Amino acid sequence: MTDLRVEPVEPDAENALQDWRHVHNLIVPPAAMALDEVRERSGRNRLENAYLGDVLVGCSTVRPPQGEDAVATVIARVLPDFRRRGYGVALYENGLTRARALGADAIETVVLAANTDGVRFAEARGFVETERYVLDGETDLWITLRLRSRFRSASFAAR
């Protein structure tokens, strides 16, 4: 996995924005975004791309902690041809490190219910479902999951 390179997506980095958009739109087509939407999102959240050499394999999003519980959202996306090789784990763990640095006390993730690989990935890492919902005017089912243990607890560090 030493060849995996994770790079932040800056709002003015056109190629990196396009790469992030490509992975995001392929994995979650109901929430497909235009380039300007990705640029705006990169100003609010930490967006990163993962590459094997020069080959794009995935992307991630870390939404900063919010609310009394300081809940951060960590989302890792891996292109289908690169799944089950540890790249999702690397992106996820990188996102956890970023969320911790931002002061998160709890971690959530959001998965399109139709993405059964994504749901299994989250559950295998200790996330439990907290909510199912359909956005107004849409038909796709989304699942919010929260990491079972307190993020900063000793039980988390032992995992």
N, C-alpha and C. Protein backbone atom coordinates (compact mmCIF):
# COMPACT_ATOMS: atom_id res chain seq x y z
N MET A 1 0.83 -1.19 0.00
CA MET A 1 0.00 0.00 0.00
C MET A 1 0.87 1.25 0.00
N THR A 2 2.18 1.07 -0.03
CA THR A 2 3.06 2.23 0.00
C THR A 2 2.91 3.10 -1.23
N ASP A 3 2.35 2.56 -2.29
CA ASP A 3 2.18 3.33 -3.52
C ASP A 3 0.95 4.23 -3.48
N LEU A 4 0.07 4.03 -2.49
CA LEU A 4 -1.14 4.85 -2.41
C LEU A 4 -0.77 6.26 -1.94
N ARG A 5 -1.22 7.22 -2.71
CA ARG A 5 -0.96 8.63 -2.41
C ARG A 5 -2.29 9.33 -2.21
N VAL A 6 -2.48 9.96 -1.07
CA VAL A 6 -3.72 10.69 -0.79
C VAL A 6 -3.39 12.18 -0.79
N GLU A 7 -4.12 12.93 -1.64
CA GLU A 7 -3.84 14.35 -1.80
C GLU A 7 -5.08 15.19 -1.55
N PRO A 8 -4.92 16.32 -0.87
CA PRO A 8 -6.06 17.21 -0.66
C PRO A 8 -6.51 17.84 -1.98
N VAL A 9 -7.79 18.15 -2.06
CA VAL A 9 -8.36 18.81 -3.23
C VAL A 9 -8.55 20.28 -2.87
N GLU A 10 -7.82 21.13 -3.53
CA GLU A 10 -7.90 22.57 -3.29
C GLU A 10 -8.92 23.19 -4.24
N PRO A 11 -9.61 24.25 -3.82
CA PRO A 11 -10.65 24.87 -4.65
C PRO A 11 -10.17 25.37 -6.01
N ASP A 12 -8.86 25.62 -6.16
CA ASP A 12 -8.35 26.12 -7.44
C ASP A 12 -7.61 25.06 -8.26
N ALA A 13 -7.64 23.81 -7.81
CA ALA A 13 -6.94 22.72 -8.50
C ALA A 13 -7.92 21.99 -9.42
N GLU A 14 -8.03 22.48 -10.63
CA GLU A 14 -9.04 21.99 -11.58
C GLU A 14 -9.00 20.47 -11.80
N ASN A 15 -7.80 19.91 -12.03
CA ASN A 15 -7.70 18.46 -12.27
C ASN A 15 -8.12 17.66 -11.04
N ALA A 16 -7.70 18.09 -9.87
CA ALA A 16 -8.06 17.39 -8.64
C ALA A 16 -9.57 17.47 -8.39
N LEU A 17 -10.16 18.63 -8.66
CA LEU A 17 -11.62 18.78 -8.52
C LEU A 17 -12.34 17.84 -9.47
N GLN A 18 -11.86 17.75 -10.71
CA GLN A 18 -12.46 16.85 -11.71
C GLN A 18 -12.33 15.39 -11.28
N ASP A 19 -11.17 15.02 -10.75
CA ASP A 19 -10.98 13.64 -10.29
C ASP A 19 -11.94 13.31 -9.15
N TRP A 20 -12.03 14.19 -8.15
CA TRP A 20 -12.93 13.95 -7.03
C TRP A 20 -14.37 13.82 -7.54
N ARG A 21 -14.76 14.72 -8.42
CA ARG A 21 -16.11 14.71 -8.99
C ARG A 21 -16.38 13.40 -9.73
N HIS A 22 -15.41 12.92 -10.48
CA HIS A 22 -15.57 11.67 -11.23
C HIS A 22 -15.90 10.51 -10.28
N VAL A 23 -15.10 10.35 -9.23
CA VAL A 23 -15.34 9.24 -8.29
C VAL A 23 -16.68 9.43 -7.59
N HIS A 24 -16.91 10.61 -7.06
CA HIS A 24 -18.16 10.87 -6.34
C HIS A 24 -19.36 10.57 -7.22
N ASN A 25 -19.39 11.09 -8.43
CA ASN A 25 -20.55 10.92 -9.30
C ASN A 25 -20.74 9.48 -9.75
N LEU A 26 -19.65 8.73 -9.87
CA LEU A 26 -19.77 7.32 -10.24
C LEU A 26 -20.32 6.49 -9.08
N ILE A 27 -19.89 6.80 -7.86
CA ILE A 27 -20.31 6.02 -6.69
C ILE A 27 -21.70 6.42 -6.21
N VAL A 28 -22.03 7.69 -6.28
CA VAL A 28 -23.34 8.16 -5.80
C VAL A 28 -24.05 8.98 -6.90
N PRO A 29 -24.46 8.32 -7.97
CA PRO A 29 -25.08 9.06 -9.08
C PRO A 29 -26.31 9.88 -8.70
N PRO A 30 -27.10 9.47 -7.71
CA PRO A 30 -28.25 10.32 -7.35
C PRO A 30 -27.85 11.68 -6.79
N ALA A 31 -26.60 11.78 -6.32
CA ALA A 31 -26.12 13.05 -5.75
C ALA A 31 -25.03 13.66 -6.63
N ALA A 32 -25.07 13.36 -7.92
CA ALA A 32 -24.05 13.86 -8.85
C ALA A 32 -23.94 15.37 -8.75
N MET A 33 -22.70 15.85 -8.85
CA MET A 33 -22.43 17.28 -8.69
C MET A 33 -21.75 17.86 -9.93
N ALA A 34 -22.04 19.12 -10.17
CA ALA A 34 -21.32 19.88 -11.18
C ALA A 34 -19.99 20.33 -10.58
N LEU A 35 -19.06 20.71 -11.43
CA LEU A 35 -17.75 21.13 -10.97
C LEU A 35 -17.82 22.30 -9.99
N ASP A 36 -18.68 23.26 -10.23
CA ASP A 36 -18.79 24.40 -9.31
C ASP A 36 -19.28 23.96 -7.94
N GLU A 37 -20.14 22.95 -7.89
CA GLU A 37 -20.61 22.43 -6.60
C GLU A 37 -19.46 21.77 -5.83
N VAL A 38 -18.62 21.04 -6.55
CA VAL A 38 -17.46 20.40 -5.92
C VAL A 38 -16.51 21.48 -5.39
N ARG A 39 -16.28 22.51 -6.19
CA ARG A 39 -15.40 23.60 -5.77
C ARG A 39 -15.93 24.24 -4.48
N GLU A 40 -17.22 24.50 -4.44
CA GLU A 40 -17.83 25.10 -3.24
C GLU A 40 -17.68 24.15 -2.06
N ARG A 41 -17.92 22.87 -2.26
CA ARG A 41 -17.82 21.89 -1.19
C ARG A 41 -16.39 21.81 -0.66
N SER A 42 -15.41 21.98 -1.55
CA SER A 42 -14.01 21.90 -1.12
C SER A 42 -13.64 23.05 -0.19
N GLY A 43 -14.41 24.10 -0.19
CA GLY A 43 -14.19 25.21 0.73
C GLY A 43 -14.76 24.96 2.11
N ARG A 44 -15.74 24.05 2.21
CA ARG A 44 -16.39 23.74 3.50
C ARG A 44 -15.85 22.48 4.15
N ASN A 45 -15.49 21.51 3.31
CA ASN A 45 -15.09 20.19 3.79
C ASN A 45 -13.69 19.86 3.31
N ARG A 46 -13.09 18.87 3.92
CA ARG A 46 -11.79 18.38 3.46
C ARG A 46 -12.06 17.29 2.43
N LEU A 47 -11.74 17.57 1.17
CA LEU A 47 -11.87 16.61 0.09
C LEU A 47 -10.47 16.10 -0.26
N GLU A 48 -10.36 14.80 -0.49
CA GLU A 48 -9.08 14.22 -0.87
C GLU A 48 -9.28 13.19 -1.97
N ASN A 49 -8.26 13.03 -2.79
CA ASN A 49 -8.22 12.00 -3.83
C ASN A 49 -7.13 11.01 -3.49
N ALA A 50 -7.35 9.74 -3.88
CA ALA A 50 -6.35 8.70 -3.67
C ALA A 50 -5.89 8.18 -5.02
N TYR A 51 -4.58 8.06 -5.16
CA TYR A 51 -3.97 7.61 -6.42
C TYR A 51 -3.00 6.48 -6.14
N LEU A 52 -2.96 5.54 -7.08
CA LEU A 52 -1.92 4.52 -7.13
C LEU A 52 -1.01 4.95 -8.26
N GLY A 53 0.13 5.49 -7.93
CA GLY A 53 0.93 6.13 -8.97
C GLY A 53 0.13 7.30 -9.50
N ASP A 54 -0.18 7.28 -10.79
CA ASP A 54 -0.99 8.33 -11.40
C ASP A 54 -2.44 7.91 -11.63
N VAL A 55 -2.80 6.71 -11.16
CA VAL A 55 -4.13 6.16 -11.40
C VAL A 55 -5.06 6.51 -10.23
N LEU A 56 -6.16 7.16 -10.52
CA LEU A 56 -7.17 7.52 -9.52
C LEU A 56 -7.88 6.26 -9.04
N VAL A 57 -7.92 6.05 -7.72
CA VAL A 57 -8.60 4.88 -7.17
C VAL A 57 -9.77 5.23 -6.26
N GLY A 58 -9.81 6.46 -5.75
CA GLY A 58 -10.91 6.82 -4.86
C GLY A 58 -10.83 8.26 -4.41
N CYS A 59 -11.77 8.62 -3.55
CA CYS A 59 -11.80 9.96 -2.98
C CYS A 59 -12.45 9.88 -1.60
N SER A 60 -12.33 10.97 -0.86
CA SER A 60 -12.95 11.00 0.46
C SER A 60 -13.42 12.40 0.78
N THR A 61 -14.30 12.44 1.78
CA THR A 61 -14.82 13.70 2.30
C THR A 61 -14.79 13.63 3.82
N VAL A 62 -14.33 14.70 4.44
CA VAL A 62 -14.44 14.85 5.89
C VAL A 62 -15.18 16.16 6.13
N ARG A 63 -16.37 16.04 6.71
CA ARG A 63 -17.13 17.23 7.12
C ARG A 63 -16.71 17.55 8.55
N PRO A 64 -16.34 18.81 8.81
CA PRO A 64 -15.87 19.17 10.15
C PRO A 64 -16.92 18.89 11.23
N PRO A 65 -16.46 18.73 12.47
CA PRO A 65 -17.37 18.46 13.59
C PRO A 65 -18.42 19.57 13.72
N GLN A 66 -19.63 19.13 14.07
CA GLN A 66 -20.74 20.06 14.27
C GLN A 66 -21.55 19.65 15.49
N GLY A 67 -22.25 20.63 16.07
CA GLY A 67 -23.18 20.37 17.16
C GLY A 67 -22.50 20.12 18.48
N GLU A 68 -23.34 19.94 19.50
CA GLU A 68 -22.87 19.69 20.86
C GLU A 68 -21.99 18.46 20.96
N ASP A 69 -22.31 17.44 20.16
CA ASP A 69 -21.56 16.19 20.21
C ASP A 69 -20.30 16.23 19.37
N ALA A 70 -20.02 17.35 18.69
CA ALA A 70 -18.84 17.49 17.82
C ALA A 70 -18.74 16.30 16.86
N VAL A 71 -19.81 16.09 16.08
CA VAL A 71 -19.88 14.97 15.16
C VAL A 71 -19.29 15.37 13.80
N ALA A 72 -18.27 14.63 13.38
CA ALA A 72 -17.70 14.80 12.05
C ALA A 72 -18.22 13.67 11.17
N THR A 73 -18.30 13.94 9.88
CA THR A 73 -18.71 12.91 8.92
C THR A 73 -17.50 12.53 8.08
N VAL A 74 -17.24 11.23 7.99
CA VAL A 74 -16.13 10.70 7.20
C VAL A 74 -16.72 9.78 6.15
N ILE A 75 -16.42 10.07 4.88
CA ILE A 75 -16.93 9.26 3.77
C ILE A 75 -15.75 8.88 2.88
N ALA A 76 -15.56 7.58 2.66
CA ALA A 76 -14.51 7.07 1.77
C ALA A 76 -15.19 6.40 0.58
N ARG A 77 -14.73 6.72 -0.62
CA ARG A 77 -15.28 6.13 -1.85
C ARG A 77 -14.14 5.52 -2.66
N VAL A 78 -14.31 4.28 -3.09
CA VAL A 78 -13.30 3.60 -3.89
C VAL A 78 -13.96 3.11 -5.17
N LEU A 79 -13.29 3.36 -6.28
CA LEU A 79 -13.82 2.90 -7.57
C LEU A 79 -13.94 1.37 -7.55
N PRO A 80 -14.97 0.83 -8.18
CA PRO A 80 -15.23 -0.62 -8.11
C PRO A 80 -14.03 -1.51 -8.46
N ASP A 81 -13.24 -1.14 -9.45
CA ASP A 81 -12.10 -1.98 -9.85
C ASP A 81 -10.99 -2.04 -8.80
N PHE A 82 -11.05 -1.19 -7.78
CA PHE A 82 -9.98 -1.13 -6.79
C PHE A 82 -10.45 -1.54 -5.39
N ARG A 83 -11.65 -2.05 -5.27
CA ARG A 83 -12.18 -2.43 -3.96
C ARG A 83 -11.57 -3.73 -3.48
N ARG A 84 -11.65 -3.91 -2.16
CA ARG A 84 -11.18 -5.10 -1.46
C ARG A 84 -9.66 -5.28 -1.56
N ARG A 85 -8.96 -4.16 -1.62
CA ARG A 85 -7.50 -4.19 -1.65
C ARG A 85 -6.90 -3.33 -0.54
N GLY A 86 -7.76 -2.79 0.34
CA GLY A 86 -7.28 -2.00 1.46
C GLY A 86 -7.26 -0.50 1.21
N TYR A 87 -7.62 -0.05 0.01
CA TYR A 87 -7.59 1.38 -0.28
C TYR A 87 -8.70 2.13 0.47
N GLY A 88 -9.84 1.51 0.60
CA GLY A 88 -10.93 2.13 1.35
C GLY A 88 -10.56 2.28 2.81
N VAL A 89 -9.90 1.27 3.36
CA VAL A 89 -9.44 1.33 4.76
C VAL A 89 -8.46 2.48 4.92
N ALA A 90 -7.53 2.62 3.98
CA ALA A 90 -6.54 3.70 4.07
C ALA A 90 -7.22 5.07 4.00
N LEU A 91 -8.16 5.23 3.09
CA LEU A 91 -8.89 6.50 2.99
C LEU A 91 -9.70 6.77 4.25
N TYR A 92 -10.37 5.74 4.75
CA TYR A 92 -11.18 5.87 5.96
C TYR A 92 -10.31 6.26 7.15
N GLU A 93 -9.20 5.56 7.35
CA GLU A 93 -8.32 5.86 8.49
C GLU A 93 -7.72 7.26 8.36
N ASN A 94 -7.39 7.66 7.15
CA ASN A 94 -6.90 9.01 6.92
C ASN A 94 -7.98 10.04 7.31
N GLY A 95 -9.23 9.74 6.95
CA GLY A 95 -10.35 10.61 7.31
C GLY A 95 -10.55 10.69 8.81
N LEU A 96 -10.40 9.56 9.50
CA LEU A 96 -10.51 9.56 10.97
C LEU A 96 -9.43 10.43 11.60
N THR A 97 -8.23 10.32 11.08
CA THR A 97 -7.12 11.14 11.59
C THR A 97 -7.44 12.62 11.38
N ARG A 98 -7.96 12.97 10.24
CA ARG A 98 -8.31 14.35 9.93
C ARG A 98 -9.42 14.83 10.87
N ALA A 99 -10.45 13.98 11.06
CA ALA A 99 -11.57 14.35 11.94
C ALA A 99 -11.08 14.55 13.38
N ARG A 100 -10.19 13.70 13.83
CA ARG A 100 -9.63 13.84 15.18
C ARG A 100 -8.90 15.17 15.29
N ALA A 101 -8.10 15.52 14.28
CA ALA A 101 -7.35 16.79 14.31
C ALA A 101 -8.29 18.00 14.33
N LEU A 102 -9.48 17.84 13.78
CA LEU A 102 -10.47 18.92 13.76
C LEU A 102 -11.28 19.00 15.05
N GLY A 103 -11.06 18.05 15.97
CA GLY A 103 -11.73 18.09 17.26
C GLY A 103 -12.99 17.24 17.36
N ALA A 104 -13.16 16.28 16.48
CA ALA A 104 -14.36 15.44 16.52
C ALA A 104 -14.38 14.56 17.76
N ASP A 105 -15.58 14.44 18.36
CA ASP A 105 -15.80 13.51 19.46
C ASP A 105 -16.60 12.30 19.00
N ALA A 106 -17.26 12.40 17.86
CA ALA A 106 -18.05 11.30 17.32
C ALA A 106 -17.93 11.34 15.80
N ILE A 107 -18.13 10.16 15.18
CA ILE A 107 -17.99 10.03 13.73
C ILE A 107 -19.24 9.40 13.14
N GLU A 108 -19.71 10.01 12.06
CA GLU A 108 -20.79 9.42 11.27
C GLU A 108 -20.31 9.25 9.85
N THR A 109 -21.07 8.46 9.11
CA THR A 109 -20.87 8.34 7.68
C THR A 109 -22.24 8.26 7.04
N VAL A 110 -22.30 8.55 5.75
CA VAL A 110 -23.55 8.50 5.00
C VAL A 110 -23.31 7.63 3.78
N VAL A 111 -24.23 6.68 3.55
CA VAL A 111 -24.06 5.74 2.43
C VAL A 111 -25.38 5.64 1.68
N LEU A 112 -25.30 5.64 0.37
CA LEU A 112 -26.44 5.34 -0.47
C LEU A 112 -26.81 3.88 -0.21
N ALA A 113 -28.04 3.61 0.19
CA ALA A 113 -28.44 2.25 0.57
C ALA A 113 -28.17 1.23 -0.54
N ALA A 114 -28.28 1.66 -1.77
CA ALA A 114 -28.04 0.75 -2.90
C ALA A 114 -26.57 0.33 -3.00
N ASN A 115 -25.68 1.05 -2.33
CA ASN A 115 -24.26 0.73 -2.33
C ASN A 115 -24.00 -0.27 -1.20
N THR A 116 -24.33 -1.51 -1.45
CA THR A 116 -24.22 -2.53 -0.41
C THR A 116 -22.77 -2.73 0.02
N ASP A 117 -21.81 -2.56 -0.88
CA ASP A 117 -20.39 -2.64 -0.49
C ASP A 117 -20.09 -1.58 0.56
N GLY A 118 -20.58 -0.37 0.34
CA GLY A 118 -20.34 0.73 1.27
C GLY A 118 -20.98 0.49 2.63
N VAL A 119 -22.19 -0.04 2.63
CA VAL A 119 -22.88 -0.34 3.89
C VAL A 119 -22.11 -1.42 4.66
N ARG A 120 -21.70 -2.48 3.97
CA ARG A 120 -20.93 -3.54 4.62
C ARG A 120 -19.60 -3.02 5.16
N PHE A 121 -18.95 -2.17 4.38
CA PHE A 121 -17.68 -1.58 4.81
C PHE A 121 -17.86 -0.82 6.12
N ALA A 122 -18.87 0.02 6.19
CA ALA A 122 -19.12 0.81 7.41
C ALA A 122 -19.45 -0.10 8.59
N GLU A 123 -20.33 -1.05 8.39
CA GLU A 123 -20.73 -1.95 9.48
C GLU A 123 -19.54 -2.77 9.98
N ALA A 124 -18.66 -3.18 9.09
CA ALA A 124 -17.48 -3.97 9.47
C ALA A 124 -16.51 -3.16 10.33
N ARG A 125 -16.62 -1.84 10.28
CA ARG A 125 -15.75 -0.97 11.06
C ARG A 125 -16.43 -0.43 12.31
N GLY A 126 -17.58 -1.01 12.66
CA GLY A 126 -18.22 -0.65 13.92
C GLY A 126 -19.29 0.43 13.82
N PHE A 127 -19.69 0.81 12.61
CA PHE A 127 -20.76 1.78 12.45
C PHE A 127 -22.11 1.08 12.58
N VAL A 128 -23.05 1.77 13.19
CA VAL A 128 -24.41 1.25 13.29
C VAL A 128 -25.37 2.29 12.70
N GLU A 129 -26.40 1.78 12.09
CA GLU A 129 -27.39 2.65 11.45
C GLU A 129 -28.13 3.49 12.47
N THR A 130 -28.26 4.78 12.18
CA THR A 130 -29.02 5.66 13.05
C THR A 130 -30.22 6.27 12.34
N GLU A 131 -30.18 6.28 11.00
CA GLU A 131 -31.28 6.91 10.27
C GLU A 131 -31.30 6.41 8.83
N ARG A 132 -32.52 6.27 8.31
CA ARG A 132 -32.75 6.02 6.88
C ARG A 132 -33.65 7.14 6.40
N TYR A 133 -33.35 7.67 5.24
CA TYR A 133 -34.17 8.78 4.75
C TYR A 133 -34.11 8.87 3.23
N VAL A 134 -35.10 9.55 2.68
CA VAL A 134 -35.17 9.88 1.26
C VAL A 134 -35.29 11.39 1.20
N LEU A 135 -34.45 12.02 0.41
CA LEU A 135 -34.48 13.48 0.28
C LEU A 135 -35.78 13.91 -0.41
N ASP A 136 -36.27 15.08 -0.04
CA ASP A 136 -37.50 15.61 -0.63
C ASP A 136 -37.42 15.60 -2.15
N GLY A 137 -38.46 15.05 -2.76
CA GLY A 137 -38.55 15.02 -4.21
C GLY A 137 -37.70 13.93 -4.86
N GLU A 138 -37.03 13.12 -4.07
CA GLU A 138 -36.16 12.06 -4.59
C GLU A 138 -36.75 10.69 -4.24
N THR A 139 -36.12 9.63 -4.74
CA THR A 139 -36.58 8.28 -4.44
C THR A 139 -35.48 7.41 -3.84
N ASP A 140 -34.24 7.86 -3.87
CA ASP A 140 -33.12 7.05 -3.39
C ASP A 140 -33.03 7.07 -1.87
N LEU A 141 -32.78 5.90 -1.30
CA LEU A 141 -32.68 5.74 0.14
C LEU A 141 -31.23 5.94 0.59
N TRP A 142 -31.04 6.75 1.61
CA TRP A 142 -29.74 7.04 2.21
C TRP A 142 -29.73 6.52 3.63
N ILE A 143 -28.55 6.12 4.11
CA ILE A 143 -28.39 5.62 5.47
C ILE A 143 -27.31 6.43 6.17
N THR A 144 -27.63 6.93 7.35
CA THR A 144 -26.63 7.55 8.21
C THR A 144 -26.24 6.51 9.25
N LEU A 145 -24.95 6.34 9.45
CA LEU A 145 -24.42 5.39 10.42
C LEU A 145 -23.46 6.13 11.34
N ARG A 146 -23.42 5.71 12.60
CA ARG A 146 -22.52 6.33 13.57
C ARG A 146 -21.60 5.27 14.15
N LEU A 147 -20.35 5.67 14.34
CA LEU A 147 -19.39 4.78 14.97
C LEU A 147 -19.86 4.48 16.38
N ARG A 148 -19.92 3.18 16.72
CA ARG A 148 -20.48 2.74 18.01
C ARG A 148 -19.76 3.33 19.20
N SER A 149 -18.45 3.26 19.21
CA SER A 149 -17.71 3.74 20.38
C SER A 149 -17.46 5.24 20.26
N ARG A 150 -17.28 5.87 21.41
CA ARG A 150 -16.91 7.29 21.39
C ARG A 150 -15.59 7.40 20.64
N PHE A 151 -15.50 8.35 19.78
CA PHE A 151 -14.35 8.49 18.89
C PHE A 151 -13.04 8.64 19.64
N ARG A 152 -13.03 9.39 20.71
CA ARG A 152 -11.79 9.64 21.43
C ARG A 152 -11.55 8.62 22.55
N SER A 153 -12.37 7.61 22.65
CA SER A 153 -12.25 6.67 23.76
C SER A 153 -11.08 5.70 23.56
N ALA A 154 -10.68 5.07 24.64
CA ALA A 154 -9.61 4.09 24.59
C ALA A 154 -10.01 2.90 23.72
N SER A 155 -11.29 2.55 23.72
CA SER A 155 -11.72 1.40 22.91
C SER A 155 -11.53 1.70 21.43
N PHE A 156 -11.64 2.94 21.04
CA PHE A 156 -11.41 3.29 19.63
C PHE A 156 -9.94 3.13 19.31
N ALA A 157 -9.07 3.61 20.18
CA ALA A 157 -7.64 3.56 19.92
C ALA A 157 -7.14 2.12 19.82
N ALA A 158 -7.83 1.20 20.50
CA ALA A 158 -7.42 -0.19 20.49
C ALA A 158 -7.82 -0.92 19.22
N ARG A 159 -8.65 -0.34 18.40
CA ARG A 159 -9.12 -1.02 17.19
C ARG A 159 -8.06 -1.13 16.15
